[in-house]
Amino acid sequence: NPRPYVWINATDIYNGTPFLFVRPQFSGFCSNLAEYPI
């Protein structure tokens, strides 16, 4: 039920970039966001 669309933001400390708990980010390293605990 994706409304509202939610971004939870962390920091990738190796790359010094934002890390986003969204499907595109997890798909980028072939991981399953749906089963990850909020």
PDB file of all heavy atoms in Angstrom:
ATOM      1  N   ASN A   1       0.866  -1.182   0.000  1.00  0.00           N
ATOM      2  CA  ASN A   1       0.000   0.000   0.000  1.00  0.00           C
ATOM      3  C   ASN A   1       0.900   1.229   0.000  1.00  0.00           C
ATOM      4  O   ASN A   1       1.130   1.860   1.029  1.00  0.00           O
ATOM      5  CB  ASN A   1      -0.916  -0.010   1.228  1.00  0.00           C
ATOM      6  CG  ASN A   1      -1.943   1.104   1.189  1.00  0.00           C
ATOM      7  OD1 ASN A   1      -2.091   1.794   0.173  1.00  0.00           O
ATOM      8  ND2 ASN A   1      -2.656   1.291   2.291  1.00  0.00           N
ATOM      9  N   PRO A   2       1.452   1.559  -1.187  1.00  0.00           N
ATOM     10  CA  PRO A   2       2.590   2.485  -1.234  1.00  0.00           C
ATOM     11  C   PRO A   2       2.260   3.969  -1.186  1.00  0.00           C
ATOM     12  O   PRO A   2       3.102   4.778  -1.563  1.00  0.00           O
ATOM     13  CB  PRO A   2       3.236   2.121  -2.574  1.00  0.00           C
ATOM     14  CG  PRO A   2       2.094   1.671  -3.427  1.00  0.00           C
ATOM     15  CD  PRO A   2       1.125   1.008  -2.506  1.00  0.00           C
ATOM     16  N   ARG A   3       1.097   4.349  -0.758  1.00  0.00           N
ATOM     17  CA  ARG A   3       0.851   5.774  -0.562  1.00  0.00           C
ATOM     18  C   ARG A   3       0.663   6.043   0.916  1.00  0.00           C
ATOM     19  O   ARG A   3      -0.210   5.450   1.527  1.00  0.00           O
ATOM     20  CB  ARG A   3      -0.391   6.257  -1.323  1.00  0.00           C
ATOM     21  CG  ARG A   3      -0.502   7.773  -1.334  1.00  0.00           C
ATOM     22  CD  ARG A   3      -1.733   8.232  -2.091  1.00  0.00           C
ATOM     23  NE  ARG A   3      -2.966   7.833  -1.446  1.00  0.00           N
ATOM     24  CZ  ARG A   3      -3.508   8.466  -0.401  1.00  0.00           C
ATOM     25  NH1 ARG A   3      -2.907   9.500   0.131  1.00  0.00           N
ATOM     26  NH2 ARG A   3      -4.641   8.056   0.113  1.00  0.00           N
ATOM     27  N   PRO A   4       1.497   6.855   1.539  1.00  0.00           N
ATOM     28  CA  PRO A   4       2.556   7.634   0.904  1.00  0.00           C
ATOM     29  C   PRO A   4       3.780   6.790   0.554  1.00  0.00           C
ATOM     30  O   PRO A   4       4.057   5.772   1.207  1.00  0.00           O
ATOM     31  CB  PRO A   4       2.917   8.662   1.985  1.00  0.00           C
ATOM     32  CG  PRO A   4       2.639   7.956   3.269  1.00  0.00           C
ATOM     33  CD  PRO A   4       1.410   7.121   2.999  1.00  0.00           C
ATOM     34  N   TYR A   5       4.497   7.235  -0.467  1.00  0.00           N
ATOM     35  CA  TYR A   5       5.776   6.644  -0.824  1.00  0.00           C
ATOM     36  C   TYR A   5       6.788   7.113   0.218  1.00  0.00           C
ATOM     37  O   TYR A   5       6.924   8.306   0.463  1.00  0.00           O
ATOM     38  CB  TYR A   5       6.178   7.108  -2.220  1.00  0.00           C
ATOM     39  CG  TYR A   5       7.358   6.375  -2.818  1.00  0.00           C
ATOM     40  CD1 TYR A   5       7.162   5.308  -3.676  1.00  0.00           C
ATOM     41  CD2 TYR A   5       8.657   6.770  -2.541  1.00  0.00           C
ATOM     42  CE1 TYR A   5       8.230   4.638  -4.249  1.00  0.00           C
ATOM     43  CE2 TYR A   5       9.737   6.101  -3.090  1.00  0.00           C
ATOM     44  CZ  TYR A   5       9.520   5.049  -3.944  1.00  0.00           C
ATOM     45  OH  TYR A   5      10.587   4.381  -4.500  1.00  0.00           O
ATOM     46  N   VAL A   6       7.509   6.160   0.839  1.00  0.00           N
ATOM     47  CA  VAL A   6       8.362   6.480   1.986  1.00  0.00           C
ATOM     48  C   VAL A   6       9.833   6.259   1.646  1.00  0.00           C
ATOM     49  O   VAL A   6      10.202   5.200   1.123  1.00  0.00           O
ATOM     50  CB  VAL A   6       7.982   5.623   3.208  1.00  0.00           C
ATOM     51  CG1 VAL A   6       8.916   5.921   4.380  1.00  0.00           C
ATOM     52  CG2 VAL A   6       6.532   5.865   3.607  1.00  0.00           C
ATOM     53  N   TRP A   7      10.651   7.266   1.942  1.00  0.00           N
ATOM     54  CA  TRP A   7      12.106   7.116   1.874  1.00  0.00           C
ATOM     55  C   TRP A   7      12.655   7.120   3.301  1.00  0.00           C
ATOM     56  O   TRP A   7      12.458   8.087   4.044  1.00  0.00           O
ATOM     57  CB  TRP A   7      12.754   8.279   1.121  1.00  0.00           C
ATOM     58  CG  TRP A   7      12.552   8.313  -0.351  1.00  0.00           C
ATOM     59  CD1 TRP A   7      13.180   7.561  -1.287  1.00  0.00           C
ATOM     60  CD2 TRP A   7      11.661   9.180  -1.082  1.00  0.00           C
ATOM     61  NE1 TRP A   7      12.746   7.890  -2.552  1.00  0.00           N
ATOM     62  CE2 TRP A   7      11.810   8.884  -2.459  1.00  0.00           C
ATOM     63  CE3 TRP A   7      10.767  10.178  -0.704  1.00  0.00           C
ATOM     64  CZ2 TRP A   7      11.104   9.550  -3.449  1.00  0.00           C
ATOM     65  CZ3 TRP A   7      10.053  10.837  -1.683  1.00  0.00           C
ATOM     66  CH2 TRP A   7      10.218  10.530  -3.039  1.00  0.00           C
ATOM     67  N   ILE A   8      13.360   6.056   3.687  1.00  0.00           N
ATOM     68  CA  ILE A   8      14.139   6.037   4.924  1.00  0.00           C
ATOM     69  C   ILE A   8      15.598   6.203   4.513  1.00  0.00           C
ATOM     70  O   ILE A   8      16.106   5.442   3.680  1.00  0.00           O
ATOM     71  CB  ILE A   8      13.944   4.725   5.705  1.00  0.00           C
ATOM     72  CG1 ILE A   8      12.457   4.510   6.017  1.00  0.00           C
ATOM     73  CG2 ILE A   8      14.768   4.739   6.985  1.00  0.00           C
ATOM     74  CD1 ILE A   8      11.845   5.598   6.857  1.00  0.00           C
ATOM     75  N   ASN A   9      16.281   7.190   5.092  1.00  0.00           N
ATOM     76  CA  ASN A   9      17.610   7.578   4.636  1.00  0.00           C
ATOM     77  C   ASN A   9      18.698   7.194   5.625  1.00  0.00           C
ATOM     78  O   ASN A   9      18.607   7.514   6.820  1.00  0.00           O
ATOM     79  CB  ASN A   9      17.674   9.106   4.448  1.00  0.00           C
ATOM     80  CG  ASN A   9      16.644   9.621   3.464  1.00  0.00           C
ATOM     81  OD1 ASN A   9      16.954   9.871   2.314  1.00  0.00           O
ATOM     82  ND2 ASN A   9      15.408   9.790   3.915  1.00  0.00           N
ATOM     83  N   ALA A  10      19.737   6.525   5.139  1.00  0.00           N
ATOM     84  CA  ALA A  10      20.943   6.251   5.915  1.00  0.00           C
ATOM     85  C   ALA A  10      22.142   6.748   5.112  1.00  0.00           C
ATOM     86  O   ALA A  10      21.977   7.331   4.035  1.00  0.00           O
ATOM     87  CB  ALA A  10      21.062   4.757   6.216  1.00  0.00           C
ATOM     88  N   THR A  11      23.338   6.533   5.644  1.00  0.00           N
ATOM     89  CA  THR A  11      24.564   6.951   4.963  1.00  0.00           C
ATOM     90  C   THR A  11      25.455   5.748   4.701  1.00  0.00           C
ATOM     91  O   THR A  11      25.769   4.990   5.622  1.00  0.00           O
ATOM     92  CB  THR A  11      25.345   7.972   5.812  1.00  0.00           C
ATOM     93  OG1 THR A  11      24.573   9.157   5.972  1.00  0.00           O
ATOM     94  CG2 THR A  11      26.663   8.343   5.144  1.00  0.00           C
ATOM     95  N   ASP A  12      25.837   5.555   3.449  1.00  0.00           N
ATOM     96  CA  ASP A  12      26.856   4.579   3.086  1.00  0.00           C
ATOM     97  C   ASP A  12      28.196   5.216   3.421  1.00  0.00           C
ATOM     98  O   ASP A  12      28.672   6.113   2.720  1.00  0.00           O
ATOM     99  CB  ASP A  12      26.744   4.257   1.592  1.00  0.00           C
ATOM    100  CG  ASP A  12      27.888   3.397   1.064  1.00  0.00           C
ATOM    101  OD1 ASP A  12      28.897   3.205   1.784  1.00  0.00           O
ATOM    102  OD2 ASP A  12      27.799   2.939  -0.082  1.00  0.00           O
ATOM    103  N   ILE A  13      28.828   4.766   4.521  1.00  0.00           N
ATOM    104  CA  ILE A  13      30.013   5.466   5.015  1.00  0.00           C
ATOM    105  C   ILE A  13      31.262   5.160   4.187  1.00  0.00           C
ATOM    106  O   ILE A  13      32.251   5.893   4.263  1.00  0.00           O
ATOM    107  CB  ILE A  13      30.280   5.156   6.506  1.00  0.00           C
ATOM    108  CG1 ILE A  13      30.413   3.646   6.754  1.00  0.00           C
ATOM    109  CG2 ILE A  13      29.168   5.741   7.361  1.00  0.00           C
ATOM    110  CD1 ILE A  13      30.788   3.292   8.183  1.00  0.00           C
ATOM    111  N   TYR A  14      31.247   4.098   3.389  1.00  0.00           N
ATOM    112  CA  TYR A  14      32.395   3.815   2.526  1.00  0.00           C
ATOM    113  C   TYR A  14      32.401   4.749   1.324  1.00  0.00           C
ATOM    114  O   TYR A  14      33.435   5.330   0.970  1.00  0.00           O
ATOM    115  CB  TYR A  14      32.369   2.360   2.063  1.00  0.00           C
ATOM    116  CG  TYR A  14      33.562   1.975   1.208  1.00  0.00           C
ATOM    117  CD1 TYR A  14      34.768   1.601   1.798  1.00  0.00           C
ATOM    118  CD2 TYR A  14      33.488   1.986  -0.184  1.00  0.00           C
ATOM    119  CE1 TYR A  14      35.861   1.257   1.028  1.00  0.00           C
ATOM    120  CE2 TYR A  14      34.574   1.645  -0.970  1.00  0.00           C
ATOM    121  CZ  TYR A  14      35.760   1.282  -0.364  1.00  0.00           C
ATOM    122  OH  TYR A  14      36.848   0.945  -1.140  1.00  0.00           O
ATOM    123  N   ASN A  15      31.248   4.911   0.690  1.00  0.00           N
ATOM    124  CA  ASN A  15      31.142   5.763  -0.492  1.00  0.00           C
ATOM    125  C   ASN A  15      30.810   7.209  -0.163  1.00  0.00           C
ATOM    126  O   ASN A  15      30.913   8.084  -1.023  1.00  0.00           O
ATOM    127  CB  ASN A  15      30.086   5.204  -1.455  1.00  0.00           C
ATOM    128  CG  ASN A  15      30.519   3.896  -2.081  1.00  0.00           C
ATOM    129  OD1 ASN A  15      31.474   3.849  -2.846  1.00  0.00           O
ATOM    130  ND2 ASN A  15      29.824   2.813  -1.744  1.00  0.00           N
ATOM    131  N   GLY A  16      30.382   7.461   1.096  1.00  0.00           N
ATOM    132  CA  GLY A  16      30.010   8.821   1.479  1.00  0.00           C
ATOM    133  C   GLY A  16      28.795   9.333   0.742  1.00  0.00           C
ATOM    134  O   GLY A  16      28.703  10.513   0.385  1.00  0.00           O
ATOM    135  N   THR A  17      27.826   8.446   0.516  1.00  0.00           N
ATOM    136  CA  THR A  17      26.626   8.788  -0.250  1.00  0.00           C
ATOM    137  C   THR A  17      25.377   8.405   0.534  1.00  0.00           C
ATOM    138  O   THR A  17      25.434   7.588   1.456  1.00  0.00           O
ATOM    139  CB  THR A  17      26.603   8.035  -1.590  1.00  0.00           C
ATOM    140  OG1 THR A  17      26.703   6.619  -1.335  1.00  0.00           O
ATOM    141  CG2 THR A  17      27.750   8.468  -2.480  1.00  0.00           C
ATOM    142  N   PRO A  18      24.219   8.968   0.157  1.00  0.00           N
ATOM    143  CA  PRO A  18      22.970   8.525   0.784  1.00  0.00           C
ATOM    144  C   PRO A  18      22.690   7.073   0.423  1.00  0.00           C
ATOM    145  O   PRO A  18      23.009   6.603  -0.675  1.00  0.00           O
ATOM    146  CB  PRO A  18      21.916   9.453   0.162  1.00  0.00           C
ATOM    147  CG  PRO A  18      22.672  10.594  -0.424  1.00  0.00           C
ATOM    148  CD  PRO A  18      23.999  10.064  -0.807  1.00  0.00           C
ATOM    149  N   PHE A  19      22.074   6.365   1.356  1.00  0.00           N
ATOM    150  CA  PHE A  19      21.556   5.025   1.096  1.00  0.00           C
ATOM    151  C   PHE A  19      20.067   5.074   1.377  1.00  0.00           C
ATOM    152  O   PHE A  19      19.640   5.494   2.459  1.00  0.00           O
ATOM    153  CB  PHE A  19      22.226   3.972   1.971  1.00  0.00           C
ATOM    154  CG  PHE A  19      21.747   2.575   1.665  1.00  0.00           C
ATOM    155  CD1 PHE A  19      22.416   1.789   0.751  1.00  0.00           C
ATOM    156  CD2 PHE A  19      20.600   2.066   2.271  1.00  0.00           C
ATOM    157  CE1 PHE A  19      21.964   0.507   0.443  1.00  0.00           C
ATOM    158  CE2 PHE A  19      20.134   0.796   1.968  1.00  0.00           C
ATOM    159  CZ  PHE A  19      20.821   0.014   1.051  1.00  0.00           C
ATOM    160  N   LEU A  20      19.270   4.635   0.411  1.00  0.00           N
ATOM    161  CA  LEU A  20      17.815   4.765   0.487  1.00  0.00           C
ATOM    162  C   LEU A  20      17.166   3.392   0.609  1.00  0.00           C
ATOM    163  O   LEU A  20      17.455   2.495  -0.199  1.00  0.00           O
ATOM    164  CB  LEU A  20      17.284   5.471  -0.760  1.00  0.00           C
ATOM    165  CG  LEU A  20      17.987   6.788  -1.106  1.00  0.00           C
ATOM    166  CD1 LEU A  20      17.575   7.255  -2.497  1.00  0.00           C
ATOM    167  CD2 LEU A  20      17.675   7.842  -0.058  1.00  0.00           C
ATOM    168  N   PHE A  21      16.311   3.226   1.596  1.00  0.00           N
ATOM    169  CA  PHE A  21      15.592   1.963   1.753  1.00  0.00           C
ATOM    170  C   PHE A  21      14.360   1.973   0.857  1.00  0.00           C
ATOM    171  O   PHE A  21      13.218   2.106   1.302  1.00  0.00           O
ATOM    172  CB  PHE A  21      15.229   1.747   3.223  1.00  0.00           C
ATOM    173  CG  PHE A  21      16.408   1.349   4.061  1.00  0.00           C
ATOM    174  CD1 PHE A  21      17.207   2.316   4.652  1.00  0.00           C
ATOM    175  CD2 PHE A  21      16.755   0.016   4.228  1.00  0.00           C
ATOM    176  CE1 PHE A  21      18.310   1.957   5.408  1.00  0.00           C
ATOM    177  CE2 PHE A  21      17.857  -0.355   4.980  1.00  0.00           C
ATOM    178  CZ  PHE A  21      18.644   0.622   5.574  1.00  0.00           C
ATOM    179  N   VAL A  22      14.632   1.830  -0.435  1.00  0.00           N
ATOM    180  CA  VAL A  22      13.585   1.771  -1.451  1.00  0.00           C
ATOM    181  C   VAL A  22      13.938   0.636  -2.412  1.00  0.00           C
ATOM    182  O   VAL A  22      15.085   0.179  -2.476  1.00  0.00           O
ATOM    183  CB  VAL A  22      13.446   3.109  -2.220  1.00  0.00           C
ATOM    184  CG1 VAL A  22      12.913   4.208  -1.318  1.00  0.00           C
ATOM    185  CG2 VAL A  22      14.777   3.528  -2.835  1.00  0.00           C
ATOM    186  N   ARG A  23      12.960   0.208  -3.185  1.00  0.00           N
ATOM    187  CA  ARG A  23      13.154  -0.948  -4.063  1.00  0.00           C
ATOM    188  C   ARG A  23      14.274  -0.751  -5.082  1.00  0.00           C
ATOM    189  O   ARG A  23      15.069  -1.677  -5.291  1.00  0.00           O
ATOM    190  CB  ARG A  23      11.831  -1.286  -4.753  1.00  0.00           C
ATOM    191  CG  ARG A  23      11.839  -2.592  -5.491  1.00  0.00           C
ATOM    192  CD  ARG A  23      10.448  -3.157  -5.670  1.00  0.00           C
ATOM    193  NE  ARG A  23       9.447  -2.118  -5.853  1.00  0.00           N
ATOM    194  CZ  ARG A  23       8.142  -2.323  -5.709  1.00  0.00           C
ATOM    195  NH1 ARG A  23       7.696  -3.506  -5.350  1.00  0.00           N
ATOM    196  NH2 ARG A  23       7.274  -1.358  -5.888  1.00  0.00           N
ATOM    197  N   PRO A  24      14.392   0.408  -5.738  1.00  0.00           N
ATOM    198  CA  PRO A  24      15.503   0.565  -6.683  1.00  0.00           C
ATOM    199  C   PRO A  24      16.876   0.381  -6.043  1.00  0.00           C
ATOM    200  O   PRO A  24      17.772  -0.200  -6.660  1.00  0.00           O
ATOM    201  CB  PRO A  24      15.318   2.004  -7.196  1.00  0.00           C
ATOM    202  CG  PRO A  24      13.869   2.283  -7.028  1.00  0.00           C
ATOM    203  CD  PRO A  24      13.474   1.564  -5.778  1.00  0.00           C
ATOM    204  N   GLN A  25      17.044   0.857  -4.810  1.00  0.00           N
ATOM    205  CA  GLN A  25      18.339   0.719  -4.149  1.00  0.00           C
ATOM    206  C   GLN A  25      18.654  -0.751  -3.880  1.00  0.00           C
ATOM    207  O   GLN A  25      19.744  -1.232  -4.175  1.00  0.00           O
ATOM    208  CB  GLN A  25      18.339   1.497  -2.834  1.00  0.00           C
ATOM    209  CG  GLN A  25      19.660   1.460  -2.085  1.00  0.00           C
ATOM    210  CD  GLN A  25      20.647   2.503  -2.548  1.00  0.00           C
ATOM    211  OE1 GLN A  25      20.606   3.640  -2.143  1.00  0.00           O
ATOM    212  NE2 GLN A  25      21.551   2.096  -3.437  1.00  0.00           N
ATOM    213  N   PHE A  26      17.684  -1.489  -3.315  1.00  0.00           N
ATOM    214  CA  PHE A  26      17.912  -2.900  -3.000  1.00  0.00           C
ATOM    215  C   PHE A  26      18.054  -3.743  -4.265  1.00  0.00           C
ATOM    216  O   PHE A  26      18.855  -4.686  -4.305  1.00  0.00           O
ATOM    217  CB  PHE A  26      16.781  -3.432  -2.121  1.00  0.00           C
ATOM    218  CG  PHE A  26      17.065  -3.321  -0.650  1.00  0.00           C
ATOM    219  CD1 PHE A  26      17.302  -2.092  -0.052  1.00  0.00           C
ATOM    220  CD2 PHE A  26      17.115  -4.455   0.145  1.00  0.00           C
ATOM    221  CE1 PHE A  26      17.577  -1.983   1.295  1.00  0.00           C
ATOM    222  CE2 PHE A  26      17.387  -4.366   1.505  1.00  0.00           C
ATOM    223  CZ  PHE A  26      17.627  -3.128   2.087  1.00  0.00           C
ATOM    224  N   SER A  27      17.301  -3.414  -5.303  1.00  0.00           N
ATOM    225  CA  SER A  27      17.440  -4.146  -6.559  1.00  0.00           C
ATOM    226  C   SER A  27      18.842  -3.984  -7.125  1.00  0.00           C
ATOM    227  O   SER A  27      19.351  -4.880  -7.805  1.00  0.00           O
ATOM    228  CB  SER A  27      16.415  -3.640  -7.584  1.00  0.00           C
ATOM    229  OG  SER A  27      15.098  -3.922  -7.168  1.00  0.00           O
ATOM    230  N   GLY A  28      19.470  -2.853  -6.807  1.00  0.00           N
ATOM    231  CA  GLY A  28      20.810  -2.587  -7.311  1.00  0.00           C
ATOM    232  C   GLY A  28      21.835  -3.590  -6.835  1.00  0.00           C
ATOM    233  O   GLY A  28      22.842  -3.818  -7.514  1.00  0.00           O
ATOM    234  N   PHE A  29      21.644  -4.209  -5.646  1.00  0.00           N
ATOM    235  CA  PHE A  29      22.583  -5.241  -5.213  1.00  0.00           C
ATOM    236  C   PHE A  29      21.874  -6.582  -5.013  1.00  0.00           C
ATOM    237  O   PHE A  29      22.294  -7.435  -4.233  1.00  0.00           O
ATOM    238  CB  PHE A  29      23.375  -4.829  -3.964  1.00  0.00           C
ATOM    239  CG  PHE A  29      22.557  -4.386  -2.775  1.00  0.00           C
ATOM    240  CD1 PHE A  29      22.244  -5.277  -1.763  1.00  0.00           C
ATOM    241  CD2 PHE A  29      22.131  -3.066  -2.654  1.00  0.00           C
ATOM    242  CE1 PHE A  29      21.513  -4.868  -0.661  1.00  0.00           C
ATOM    243  CE2 PHE A  29      21.400  -2.646  -1.551  1.00  0.00           C
ATOM    244  CZ  PHE A  29      21.084  -3.553  -0.551  1.00  0.00           C
ATOM    245  N   CYS A  30      20.777  -6.753  -5.788  1.00  0.00           N
ATOM    246  CA  CYS A  30      20.090  -8.044  -5.896  1.00  0.00           C
ATOM    247  C   CYS A  30      19.583  -8.551  -4.553  1.00  0.00           C
ATOM    248  O   CYS A  30      19.700  -9.747  -4.228  1.00  0.00           O
ATOM    249  CB  CYS A  30      21.008  -9.082  -6.549  1.00  0.00           C
ATOM    250  SG  CYS A  30      21.713  -8.541  -8.122  1.00  0.00           S
ATOM    251  N   SER A  31      19.037  -7.647  -3.757  1.00  0.00           N
ATOM    252  CA  SER A  31      18.503  -8.009  -2.455  1.00  0.00           C
ATOM    253  C   SER A  31      17.006  -7.761  -2.420  1.00  0.00           C
ATOM    254  O   SER A  31      16.471  -6.981  -3.214  1.00  0.00           O
ATOM    255  CB  SER A  31      19.206  -7.209  -1.357  1.00  0.00           C
ATOM    256  OG  SER A  31      18.801  -7.649  -0.066  1.00  0.00           O
ATOM    257  N   ASN A  32      16.338  -8.413  -1.480  1.00  0.00           N
ATOM    258  CA  ASN A  32      14.883  -8.383  -1.383  1.00  0.00           C
ATOM    259  C   ASN A  32      14.459  -7.378  -0.311  1.00  0.00           C
ATOM    260  O   ASN A  32      14.566  -7.668   0.885  1.00  0.00           O
ATOM    261  CB  ASN A  32      14.370  -9.777  -1.047  1.00  0.00           C
ATOM    262  CG  ASN A  32      12.857  -9.879  -1.071  1.00  0.00           C
ATOM    263  OD1 ASN A  32      12.158  -8.864  -1.112  1.00  0.00           O
ATOM    264  ND2 ASN A  32      12.344 -11.089  -1.040  1.00  0.00           N
ATOM    265  N   LEU A  33      13.979  -6.214  -0.720  1.00  0.00           N
ATOM    266  CA  LEU A  33      13.540  -5.203   0.236  1.00  0.00           C
ATOM    267  C   LEU A  33      12.286  -5.649   0.978  1.00  0.00           C
ATOM    268  O   LEU A  33      12.117  -5.350   2.163  1.00  0.00           O
ATOM    269  CB  LEU A  33      13.282  -3.874  -0.475  1.00  0.00           C
ATOM    270  CG  LEU A  33      12.705  -2.754   0.402  1.00  0.00           C
ATOM    271  CD1 LEU A  33      13.707  -2.337   1.483  1.00  0.00           C
ATOM    272  CD2 LEU A  33      12.313  -1.540  -0.447  1.00  0.00           C
ATOM    273  N   ALA A  34      11.381  -6.366   0.295  1.00  0.00           N
ATOM    274  CA  ALA A  34      10.077  -6.706   0.875  1.00  0.00           C
ATOM    275  C   ALA A  34      10.218  -7.441   2.211  1.00  0.00           C
ATOM    276  O   ALA A  34       9.409  -7.251   3.114  1.00  0.00           O
ATOM    277  CB  ALA A  34       9.271  -7.548  -0.103  1.00  0.00           C
ATOM    278  N   GLU A  35      11.253  -8.251   2.366  1.00  0.00           N
ATOM    279  CA  GLU A  35      11.414  -9.041   3.586  1.00  0.00           C
ATOM    280  C   GLU A  35      12.299  -8.357   4.618  1.00  0.00           C
ATOM    281  O   GLU A  35      12.554  -8.928   5.689  1.00  0.00           O
ATOM    282  CB  GLU A  35      11.982 -10.417   3.239  1.00  0.00           C
ATOM    283  CG  GLU A  35      11.047 -11.254   2.381  1.00  0.00           C
ATOM    284  CD  GLU A  35      11.566 -12.666   2.174  1.00  0.00           C
ATOM    285  OE1 GLU A  35      11.978 -13.295   3.167  1.00  0.00           O
ATOM    286  OE2 GLU A  35      11.554 -13.138   1.030  1.00  0.00           O
ATOM    287  N   TYR A  36      12.732  -7.151   4.342  1.00  0.00           N
ATOM    288  CA  TYR A  36      13.621  -6.464   5.282  1.00  0.00           C
ATOM    289  C   TYR A  36      12.776  -5.757   6.347  1.00  0.00           C
ATOM    290  O   TYR A  36      11.785  -5.083   6.034  1.00  0.00           O
ATOM    291  CB  TYR A  36      14.481  -5.440   4.540  1.00  0.00           C
ATOM    292  CG  TYR A  36      15.671  -4.963   5.349  1.00  0.00           C
ATOM    293  CD1 TYR A  36      16.761  -5.800   5.565  1.00  0.00           C
ATOM    294  CD2 TYR A  36      15.706  -3.687   5.899  1.00  0.00           C
ATOM    295  CE1 TYR A  36      17.852  -5.383   6.301  1.00  0.00           C
ATOM    296  CE2 TYR A  36      16.793  -3.249   6.636  1.00  0.00           C
ATOM    297  CZ  TYR A  36      17.864  -4.105   6.836  1.00  0.00           C
ATOM    298  OH  TYR A  36      18.937  -3.689   7.566  1.00  0.00           O
ATOM    299  N   PRO A  37      13.140  -5.868   7.636  1.00  0.00           N
ATOM    300  CA  PRO A  37      12.338  -5.250   8.701  1.00  0.00           C
ATOM    301  C   PRO A  37      12.399  -3.726   8.655  1.00  0.00           C
ATOM    302  O   PRO A  37      13.473  -3.148   8.457  1.00  0.00           O
ATOM    303  CB  PRO A  37      12.993  -5.776   9.989  1.00  0.00           C
ATOM    304  CG  PRO A  37      13.806  -6.959   9.570  1.00  0.00           C
ATOM    305  CD  PRO A  37      14.245  -6.687   8.171  1.00  0.00           C
ATOM    306  N   ILE A  38      11.266  -3.090   8.832  1.00  0.00           N
ATOM    307  CA  ILE A  38      11.231  -1.631   8.889  1.00  0.00           C
ATOM    308  C   ILE A  38      12.061  -1.132  10.061  1.00  0.00           C
ATOM    309  O   ILE A  38      12.773  -0.122   9.963  1.00  0.00           O
ATOM    310  CB  ILE A  38       9.774  -1.136   9.012  1.00  0.00           C
ATOM    311  CG1 ILE A  38       8.982  -1.503   7.750  1.00  0.00           C
ATOM    312  CG2 ILE A  38       9.726   0.373   9.238  1.00  0.00           C
ATOM    313  CD1 ILE A  38       7.498  -1.201   7.843  1.00  0.00           C
TER     314      ILE A  38
END
